[in-house]
PDB file of all heavy atoms in Angstrom:
ATOM      1  N   THR A   1       7.783 -10.772  53.404  1.00  0.00           N
ATOM      2  CA  THR A   1       9.230 -10.620  53.326  1.00  0.00           C
ATOM      3  C   THR A   1       9.934 -11.955  53.585  1.00  0.00           C
ATOM      4  O   THR A   1       9.302 -12.948  53.945  1.00  0.00           O
ATOM      5  CB  THR A   1       9.716  -9.613  54.389  1.00  0.00           C
ATOM      6  OG1 THR A   1       9.428 -10.170  55.687  1.00  0.00           O
ATOM      7  CG2 THR A   1       9.063  -8.264  54.228  1.00  0.00           C
ATOM      8  N   HIS A   2      11.253 -11.923  53.454  1.00  0.00           N
ATOM      9  CA  HIS A   2      12.048 -13.108  53.803  1.00  0.00           C
ATOM     10  C   HIS A   2      11.924 -13.403  55.297  1.00  0.00           C
ATOM     11  O   HIS A   2      11.974 -14.565  55.708  1.00  0.00           O
ATOM     12  CB  HIS A   2      13.515 -12.905  53.423  1.00  0.00           C
ATOM     13  CG  HIS A   2      13.737 -12.869  51.948  1.00  0.00           C
ATOM     14  ND1 HIS A   2      13.496 -13.942  51.117  1.00  0.00           N
ATOM     15  CD2 HIS A   2      14.177 -11.881  51.145  1.00  0.00           C
ATOM     16  CE1 HIS A   2      13.783 -13.622  49.875  1.00  0.00           C
ATOM     17  NE2 HIS A   2      14.191 -12.366  49.855  1.00  0.00           N
ATOM     18  N   GLU A   3      11.755 -12.368  56.108  1.00  0.00           N
ATOM     19  CA  GLU A   3      11.567 -12.571  57.542  1.00  0.00           C
ATOM     20  C   GLU A   3      10.282 -13.354  57.806  1.00  0.00           C
ATOM     21  O   GLU A   3      10.232 -14.175  58.718  1.00  0.00           O
ATOM     22  CB  GLU A   3      11.531 -11.227  58.293  1.00  0.00           C
ATOM     23  CG  GLU A   3      12.875 -10.554  58.416  1.00  0.00           C
ATOM     24  CD  GLU A   3      13.315  -9.833  57.143  1.00  0.00           C
ATOM     25  OE1 GLU A   3      12.507  -9.674  56.199  1.00  0.00           O
ATOM     26  OE2 GLU A   3      14.489  -9.434  57.077  1.00  0.00           O
ATOM     27  N   PHE A   4       9.242 -13.109  57.015  1.00  0.00           N
ATOM     28  CA  PHE A   4       7.998 -13.876  57.110  1.00  0.00           C
ATOM     29  C   PHE A   4       8.296 -15.350  56.867  1.00  0.00           C
ATOM     30  O   PHE A   4       7.869 -16.227  57.625  1.00  0.00           O
ATOM     31  CB  PHE A   4       6.973 -13.361  56.088  1.00  0.00           C
ATOM     32  CG  PHE A   4       5.770 -14.244  55.922  1.00  0.00           C
ATOM     33  CD1 PHE A   4       4.621 -14.047  56.667  1.00  0.00           C
ATOM     34  CD2 PHE A   4       5.776 -15.289  55.006  1.00  0.00           C
ATOM     35  CE1 PHE A   4       3.513 -14.857  56.507  1.00  0.00           C
ATOM     36  CE2 PHE A   4       4.674 -16.105  54.838  1.00  0.00           C
ATOM     37  CZ  PHE A   4       3.545 -15.894  55.598  1.00  0.00           C
ATOM     38  N   LEU A   5       9.040 -15.629  55.796  1.00  0.00           N
ATOM     39  CA  LEU A   5       9.383 -17.014  55.466  1.00  0.00           C
ATOM     40  C   LEU A   5      10.179 -17.647  56.599  1.00  0.00           C
ATOM     41  O   LEU A   5       9.904 -18.786  57.002  1.00  0.00           O
ATOM     42  CB  LEU A   5      10.171 -17.070  54.155  1.00  0.00           C
ATOM     43  CG  LEU A   5       9.426 -16.592  52.906  1.00  0.00           C
ATOM     44  CD1 LEU A   5      10.373 -16.514  51.716  1.00  0.00           C
ATOM     45  CD2 LEU A   5       8.242 -17.478  52.588  1.00  0.00           C
ATOM     46  N   ASP A   6      11.138 -16.916  57.147  1.00  0.00           N
ATOM     47  CA  ASP A   6      11.935 -17.426  58.268  1.00  0.00           C
ATOM     48  C   ASP A   6      11.055 -17.701  59.479  1.00  0.00           C
ATOM     49  O   ASP A   6      11.178 -18.739  60.127  1.00  0.00           O
ATOM     50  CB  ASP A   6      13.006 -16.413  58.684  1.00  0.00           C
ATOM     51  CG  ASP A   6      14.134 -16.309  57.680  1.00  0.00           C
ATOM     52  OD1 ASP A   6      14.188 -17.129  56.743  1.00  0.00           O
ATOM     53  OD2 ASP A   6      14.963 -15.396  57.840  1.00  0.00           O
ATOM     54  N   TYR A   7      10.172 -16.752  59.808  1.00  0.00           N
ATOM     55  CA  TYR A   7       9.311 -16.859  60.991  1.00  0.00           C
ATOM     56  C   TYR A   7       8.468 -18.131  60.942  1.00  0.00           C
ATOM     57  O   TYR A   7       8.273 -18.797  61.947  1.00  0.00           O
ATOM     58  CB  TYR A   7       8.409 -15.625  61.082  1.00  0.00           C
ATOM     59  CG  TYR A   7       7.607 -15.517  62.358  1.00  0.00           C
ATOM     60  CD1 TYR A   7       8.124 -14.859  63.459  1.00  0.00           C
ATOM     61  CD2 TYR A   7       6.336 -16.074  62.458  1.00  0.00           C
ATOM     62  CE1 TYR A   7       7.397 -14.750  64.631  1.00  0.00           C
ATOM     63  CE2 TYR A   7       5.602 -15.971  63.629  1.00  0.00           C
ATOM     64  CZ  TYR A   7       6.138 -15.309  64.708  1.00  0.00           C
ATOM     65  OH  TYR A   7       5.411 -15.212  65.872  1.00  0.00           O
ATOM     66  N   PHE A   8       7.991 -18.473  59.746  1.00  0.00           N
ATOM     67  CA  PHE A   8       7.136 -19.646  59.602  1.00  0.00           C
ATOM     68  C   PHE A   8       7.897 -20.874  59.094  1.00  0.00           C
ATOM     69  O   PHE A   8       7.289 -21.895  58.802  1.00  0.00           O
ATOM     70  CB  PHE A   8       5.947 -19.317  58.688  1.00  0.00           C
ATOM     71  CG  PHE A   8       4.979 -18.368  59.331  1.00  0.00           C
ATOM     72  CD1 PHE A   8       5.002 -17.023  59.017  1.00  0.00           C
ATOM     73  CD2 PHE A   8       4.079 -18.799  60.283  1.00  0.00           C
ATOM     74  CE1 PHE A   8       4.130 -16.129  59.628  1.00  0.00           C
ATOM     75  CE2 PHE A   8       3.210 -17.925  60.905  1.00  0.00           C
ATOM     76  CZ  PHE A   8       3.232 -16.585  60.579  1.00  0.00           C
ATOM     77  N   GLY A   9       9.222 -20.771  58.970  1.00  0.00           N
ATOM     78  CA  GLY A   9      10.043 -21.913  58.574  1.00  0.00           C
ATOM     79  C   GLY A   9       9.827 -22.362  57.142  1.00  0.00           C
ATOM     80  O   GLY A   9       9.859 -23.559  56.848  1.00  0.00           O
ATOM     81  N   LEU A  10       9.604 -21.414  56.243  1.00  0.00           N
ATOM     82  CA  LEU A  10       9.357 -21.735  54.838  1.00  0.00           C
ATOM     83  C   LEU A  10      10.573 -21.366  53.996  1.00  0.00           C
ATOM     84  O   LEU A  10      11.213 -20.346  54.240  1.00  0.00           O
ATOM     85  CB  LEU A  10       8.139 -20.956  54.326  1.00  0.00           C
ATOM     86  CG  LEU A  10       6.837 -21.135  55.104  1.00  0.00           C
ATOM     87  CD1 LEU A  10       5.799 -20.122  54.633  1.00  0.00           C
ATOM     88  CD2 LEU A  10       6.311 -22.551  54.943  1.00  0.00           C
ATOM     89  N   ALA A  11      10.878 -22.176  52.995  1.00  0.00           N
ATOM     90  CA  ALA A  11      11.982 -21.858  52.087  1.00  0.00           C
ATOM     91  C   ALA A  11      11.534 -20.830  51.057  1.00  0.00           C
ATOM     92  O   ALA A  11      12.259 -19.893  50.748  1.00  0.00           O
ATOM     93  CB  ALA A  11      12.498 -23.109  51.404  1.00  0.00           C
ATOM     94  N   THR A  12      10.334 -21.022  50.518  1.00  0.00           N
ATOM     95  CA  THR A  12       9.782 -20.097  49.534  1.00  0.00           C
ATOM     96  C   THR A  12       8.289 -19.958  49.782  1.00  0.00           C
ATOM     97  O   THR A  12       7.690 -20.737  50.528  1.00  0.00           O
ATOM     98  CB  THR A  12       9.980 -20.587  48.081  1.00  0.00           C
ATOM     99  OG1 THR A  12       9.160 -21.746  47.877  1.00  0.00           O
ATOM    100  CG2 THR A  12      11.427 -20.905  47.781  1.00  0.00           C
ATOM    101  N   LYS A  13       7.685 -19.016  49.093  1.00  0.00           N
ATOM    102  CA  LYS A  13       6.237 -18.820  49.197  1.00  0.00           C
ATOM    103  C   LYS A  13       5.484 -20.056  48.723  1.00  0.00           C
ATOM    104  O   LYS A  13       4.383 -20.343  49.182  1.00  0.00           O
ATOM    105  CB  LYS A  13       5.838 -17.584  48.387  1.00  0.00           C
ATOM    106  CG  LYS A  13       4.377 -17.242  48.511  1.00  0.00           C
ATOM    107  CD  LYS A  13       4.021 -16.058  47.670  1.00  0.00           C
ATOM    108  CE  LYS A  13       2.510 -15.992  47.610  1.00  0.00           C
ATOM    109  NZ  LYS A  13       1.998 -15.129  46.621  1.00  0.00           N
ATOM    110  N   ASP A  14       6.089 -20.816  47.821  1.00  0.00           N
ATOM    111  CA  ASP A  14       5.453 -22.031  47.304  1.00  0.00           C
ATOM    112  C   ASP A  14       5.242 -23.087  48.390  1.00  0.00           C
ATOM    113  O   ASP A  14       4.476 -24.028  48.189  1.00  0.00           O
ATOM    114  CB  ASP A  14       6.287 -22.628  46.166  1.00  0.00           C
ATOM    115  CG  ASP A  14       6.376 -21.696  44.978  1.00  0.00           C
ATOM    116  OD1 ASP A  14       5.468 -20.854  44.800  1.00  0.00           O
ATOM    117  OD2 ASP A  14       7.360 -21.800  44.232  1.00  0.00           O
ATOM    118  N   ASP A  15       5.925 -22.953  49.528  1.00  0.00           N
ATOM    119  CA  ASP A  15       5.776 -23.902  50.626  1.00  0.00           C
ATOM    120  C   ASP A  15       4.535 -23.624  51.484  1.00  0.00           C
ATOM    121  O   ASP A  15       4.239 -24.398  52.394  1.00  0.00           O
ATOM    122  CB  ASP A  15       7.015 -23.891  51.518  1.00  0.00           C
ATOM    123  CG  ASP A  15       8.232 -24.446  50.813  1.00  0.00           C
ATOM    124  OD1 ASP A  15       8.064 -25.205  49.833  1.00  0.00           O
ATOM    125  OD2 ASP A  15       9.357 -24.119  51.233  1.00  0.00           O
ATOM    126  N   LEU A  16       3.829 -22.533  51.193  1.00  0.00           N
ATOM    127  CA  LEU A  16       2.575 -22.268  51.915  1.00  0.00           C
ATOM    128  C   LEU A  16       1.591 -23.398  51.632  1.00  0.00           C
ATOM    129  O   LEU A  16       1.570 -23.940  50.524  1.00  0.00           O
ATOM    130  CB  LEU A  16       1.960 -20.944  51.456  1.00  0.00           C
ATOM    131  CG  LEU A  16       2.622 -19.666  51.947  1.00  0.00           C
ATOM    132  CD1 LEU A  16       2.090 -18.465  51.166  1.00  0.00           C
ATOM    133  CD2 LEU A  16       2.361 -19.480  53.424  1.00  0.00           C
ATOM    134  N   PRO A  17       0.752 -23.757  52.604  1.00  0.00           N
ATOM    135  CA  PRO A  17      -0.246 -24.805  52.348  1.00  0.00           C
ATOM    136  C   PRO A  17      -1.200 -24.385  51.231  1.00  0.00           C
ATOM    137  O   PRO A  17      -1.492 -23.202  51.069  1.00  0.00           O
ATOM    138  CB  PRO A  17      -1.007 -24.921  53.675  1.00  0.00           C
ATOM    139  CG  PRO A  17      -0.236 -24.147  54.670  1.00  0.00           C
ATOM    140  CD  PRO A  17       0.672 -23.228  53.954  1.00  0.00           C
ATOM    141  N   ASP A  18      -1.661 -25.355  50.467  1.00  0.00           N
ATOM    142  CA  ASP A  18      -2.632 -25.087  49.416  1.00  0.00           C
ATOM    143  C   ASP A  18      -3.917 -24.592  50.077  1.00  0.00           C
ATOM    144  O   ASP A  18      -4.467 -25.257  50.949  1.00  0.00           O
ATOM    145  CB  ASP A  18      -2.901 -26.369  48.613  1.00  0.00           C
ATOM    146  CG  ASP A  18      -3.925 -26.174  47.516  1.00  0.00           C
ATOM    147  OD1 ASP A  18      -4.063 -25.043  47.016  1.00  0.00           O
ATOM    148  OD2 ASP A  18      -4.588 -27.166  47.159  1.00  0.00           O
ATOM    149  N   ILE A  19      -4.372 -23.432  49.673  1.00  0.00           N
ATOM    150  CA  ILE A  19      -5.528 -22.799  50.318  1.00  0.00           C
ATOM    151  C   ILE A  19      -6.789 -23.653  50.200  1.00  0.00           C
ATOM    152  O   ILE A  19      -7.597 -23.696  51.112  1.00  0.00           O
ATOM    153  CB  ILE A  19      -5.765 -21.366  49.763  1.00  0.00           C
ATOM    154  CG1 ILE A  19      -6.749 -20.588  50.635  1.00  0.00           C
ATOM    155  CG2 ILE A  19      -6.256 -21.382  48.355  1.00  0.00           C
ATOM    156  CD1 ILE A  19      -6.147 -20.014  51.851  1.00  0.00           C
ATOM    157  N   SER A  20      -6.938 -24.376  49.109  1.00  0.00           N
ATOM    158  CA  SER A  20      -8.143 -25.201  48.940  1.00  0.00           C
ATOM    159  C   SER A  20      -8.195 -26.330  49.964  1.00  0.00           C
ATOM    160  O   SER A  20      -9.275 -26.773  50.353  1.00  0.00           O
ATOM    161  CB  SER A  20      -8.224 -25.754  47.516  1.00  0.00           C
ATOM    162  OG  SER A  20      -7.121 -26.594  47.258  1.00  0.00           O
ATOM    163  N   SER A  21      -7.039 -26.793  50.441  1.00  0.00           N
ATOM    164  CA  SER A  21      -7.029 -27.859  51.442  1.00  0.00           C
ATOM    165  C   SER A  21      -7.436 -27.340  52.818  1.00  0.00           C
ATOM    166  O   SER A  21      -7.768 -28.119  53.700  1.00  0.00           O
ATOM    167  CB  SER A  21      -5.648 -28.504  51.524  1.00  0.00           C
ATOM    168  OG  SER A  21      -4.716 -27.588  52.067  1.00  0.00           O
ATOM    169  N   LEU A  22      -7.419 -26.027  53.007  1.00  0.00           N
ATOM    170  CA  LEU A  22      -7.777 -25.434  54.291  1.00  0.00           C
ATOM    171  C   LEU A  22      -9.252 -25.071  54.388  1.00  0.00           C
ATOM    172  O   LEU A  22      -9.758 -24.825  55.469  1.00  0.00           O
ATOM    173  CB  LEU A  22      -6.934 -24.180  54.534  1.00  0.00           C
ATOM    174  CG  LEU A  22      -5.422 -24.382  54.532  1.00  0.00           C
ATOM    175  CD1 LEU A  22      -4.716 -23.044  54.638  1.00  0.00           C
ATOM    176  CD2 LEU A  22      -5.001 -25.300  55.656  1.00  0.00           C
ATOM    177  N   LEU A  23      -9.936 -25.021  53.234  1.00  0.00           N
ATOM    178  CA  LEU A  23     -11.344 -24.637  53.225  1.00  0.00           C
ATOM    179  C   LEU A  23     -12.219 -25.832  53.572  1.00  0.00           C
ATOM    180  O   LEU A  23     -11.919 -26.966  53.192  1.00  0.00           O
ATOM    181  CB  LEU A  23     -11.728 -24.105  51.830  1.00  0.00           C
ATOM    182  CG  LEU A  23     -10.982 -22.852  51.383  1.00  0.00           C
ATOM    183  CD1 LEU A  23     -11.331 -22.518  49.941  1.00  0.00           C
ATOM    184  CD2 LEU A  23     -11.316 -21.686  52.291  1.00  0.00           C
ATOM    185  N   PRO A  24     -13.334 -25.608  54.292  1.00  0.00           N
ATOM    186  CA  PRO A  24     -14.224 -26.719  54.628  1.00  0.00           C
ATOM    187  C   PRO A  24     -14.869 -27.282  53.365  1.00  0.00           C
ATOM    188  O   PRO A  24     -15.183 -26.551  52.426  1.00  0.00           O
ATOM    189  CB  PRO A  24     -15.270 -26.086  55.558  1.00  0.00           C
ATOM    190  CG  PRO A  24     -15.183 -24.626  55.311  1.00  0.00           C
ATOM    191  CD  PRO A  24     -13.806 -24.342  54.809  1.00  0.00           C
ATOM    192  N   LYS A  25     -15.016 -28.588  53.373  1.00  0.00           N
ATOM    193  CA  LYS A  25     -15.632 -29.248  52.219  1.00  0.00           C
ATOM    194  C   LYS A  25     -17.106 -29.493  52.523  1.00  0.00           C
ATOM    195  O   LYS A  25     -17.444 -30.144  53.494  1.00  0.00           O
ATOM    196  CB  LYS A  25     -14.908 -30.556  51.934  1.00  0.00           C
ATOM    197  CG  LYS A  25     -13.492 -30.320  51.471  1.00  0.00           C
ATOM    198  CD  LYS A  25     -12.840 -31.615  51.082  1.00  0.00           C
ATOM    199  CE  LYS A  25     -11.509 -31.342  50.460  1.00  0.00           C
ATOM    200  NZ  LYS A  25     -10.380 -31.376  51.291  1.00  0.00           N
ATOM    201  N   ASP A  26     -17.970 -28.989  51.687  1.00  0.00           N
ATOM    202  CA  ASP A  26     -19.413 -29.168  51.836  1.00  0.00           C
ATOM    203  C   ASP A  26     -19.796 -30.403  51.035  1.00  0.00           C
ATOM    204  O   ASP A  26     -19.596 -30.451  49.826  1.00  0.00           O
ATOM    205  CB  ASP A  26     -20.144 -27.927  51.318  1.00  0.00           C
ATOM    206  CG  ASP A  26     -21.619 -27.952  51.646  1.00  0.00           C
ATOM    207  OD1 ASP A  26     -22.031 -28.799  52.467  1.00  0.00           O
ATOM    208  OD2 ASP A  26     -22.356 -27.133  51.070  1.00  0.00           O
ATOM    209  N   GLU A  27     -20.330 -31.417  51.724  1.00  0.00           N
ATOM    210  CA  GLU A  27     -20.667 -32.664  51.033  1.00  0.00           C
ATOM    211  C   GLU A  27     -21.748 -32.460  49.977  1.00  0.00           C
ATOM    212  O   GLU A  27     -21.722 -33.072  48.936  1.00  0.00           O
ATOM    213  CB  GLU A  27     -21.144 -33.711  52.040  1.00  0.00           C
ATOM    214  CG  GLU A  27     -20.036 -34.241  52.907  1.00  0.00           C
ATOM    215  CD  GLU A  27     -20.288 -33.955  54.366  1.00  0.00           C
ATOM    216  OE1 GLU A  27     -21.427 -33.776  54.768  1.00  0.00           O
ATOM    217  OE2 GLU A  27     -19.297 -33.907  55.091  1.00  0.00           O
ATOM    218  N   ASP A  28     -22.726 -31.608  50.265  1.00  0.00           N
ATOM    219  CA  ASP A  28     -23.820 -31.393  49.330  1.00  0.00           C
ATOM    220  C   ASP A  28     -23.954 -29.895  49.065  1.00  0.00           C
ATOM    221  O   ASP A  28     -24.603 -29.187  49.820  1.00  0.00           O
ATOM    222  CB  ASP A  28     -25.126 -31.954  49.919  1.00  0.00           C
ATOM    223  CG  ASP A  28     -26.293 -31.840  48.955  1.00  0.00           C
ATOM    224  OD1 ASP A  28     -26.063 -31.481  47.781  1.00  0.00           O
ATOM    225  OD2 ASP A  28     -27.428 -32.119  49.370  1.00  0.00           O
ATOM    226  N   PRO A  29     -23.345 -29.414  47.977  1.00  0.00           N
ATOM    227  CA  PRO A  29     -23.390 -27.974  47.720  1.00  0.00           C
ATOM    228  C   PRO A  29     -24.796 -27.448  47.471  1.00  0.00           C
ATOM    229  O   PRO A  29     -25.053 -26.271  47.606  1.00  0.00           O
ATOM    230  CB  PRO A  29     -22.509 -27.801  46.486  1.00  0.00           C
ATOM    231  CG  PRO A  29     -22.373 -29.147  45.879  1.00  0.00           C
ATOM    232  CD  PRO A  29     -22.620 -30.143  46.969  1.00  0.00           C
ATOM    233  N   GLU A  30     -25.733 -28.310  47.110  1.00  0.00           N
ATOM    234  CA  GLU A  30     -27.098 -27.886  46.840  1.00  0.00           C
ATOM    235  C   GLU A  30     -27.980 -27.926  48.086  1.00  0.00           C
ATOM    236  O   GLU A  30     -29.164 -27.662  48.026  1.00  0.00           O
ATOM    237  CB  GLU A  30     -27.720 -28.804  45.764  1.00  0.00           C
ATOM    238  CG  GLU A  30     -27.000 -28.771  44.427  1.00  0.00           C
ATOM    239  CD  GLU A  30     -27.075 -27.399  43.769  1.00  0.00           C
ATOM    240  OE1 GLU A  30     -28.147 -26.770  43.824  1.00  0.00           O
ATOM    241  OE2 GLU A  30     -26.048 -26.967  43.221  1.00  0.00           O
ATOM    242  N   LYS A  31     -27.412 -28.273  49.237  1.00  0.00           N
ATOM    243  CA  LYS A  31     -28.171 -28.402  50.471  1.00  0.00           C
ATOM    244  C   LYS A  31     -28.864 -27.087  50.822  1.00  0.00           C
ATOM    245  O   LYS A  31     -28.254 -26.032  50.787  1.00  0.00           O
ATOM    246  CB  LYS A  31     -27.225 -28.805  51.600  1.00  0.00           C
ATOM    247  CG  LYS A  31     -27.929 -29.083  52.905  1.00  0.00           C
ATOM    248  CD  LYS A  31     -26.923 -29.561  53.922  1.00  0.00           C
ATOM    249  CE  LYS A  31     -27.630 -29.837  55.232  1.00  0.00           C
ATOM    250  NZ  LYS A  31     -26.702 -30.312  56.228  1.00  0.00           N
ATOM    251  N   ASP A  32     -30.132 -27.185  51.149  1.00  0.00           N
ATOM    252  CA  ASP A  32     -30.912 -26.010  51.522  1.00  0.00           C
ATOM    253  C   ASP A  32     -30.471 -25.532  52.901  1.00  0.00           C
ATOM    254  O   ASP A  32     -30.494 -26.283  53.864  1.00  0.00           O
ATOM    255  CB  ASP A  32     -32.403 -26.389  51.538  1.00  0.00           C
ATOM    256  CG  ASP A  32     -33.295 -25.220  51.876  1.00  0.00           C
ATOM    257  OD1 ASP A  32     -32.787 -24.095  52.021  1.00  0.00           O
ATOM    258  OD2 ASP A  32     -34.514 -25.433  51.991  1.00  0.00           O
TER     259      ASP A  32
END
């Protein structure tokens, strides 16, 4: 809701952090 946006200080939903930047980066995806 708009209250959610207010609570977190966001103007729009587009101001949410990019989810990919929050995920851990695995240096070697093929690592056993």
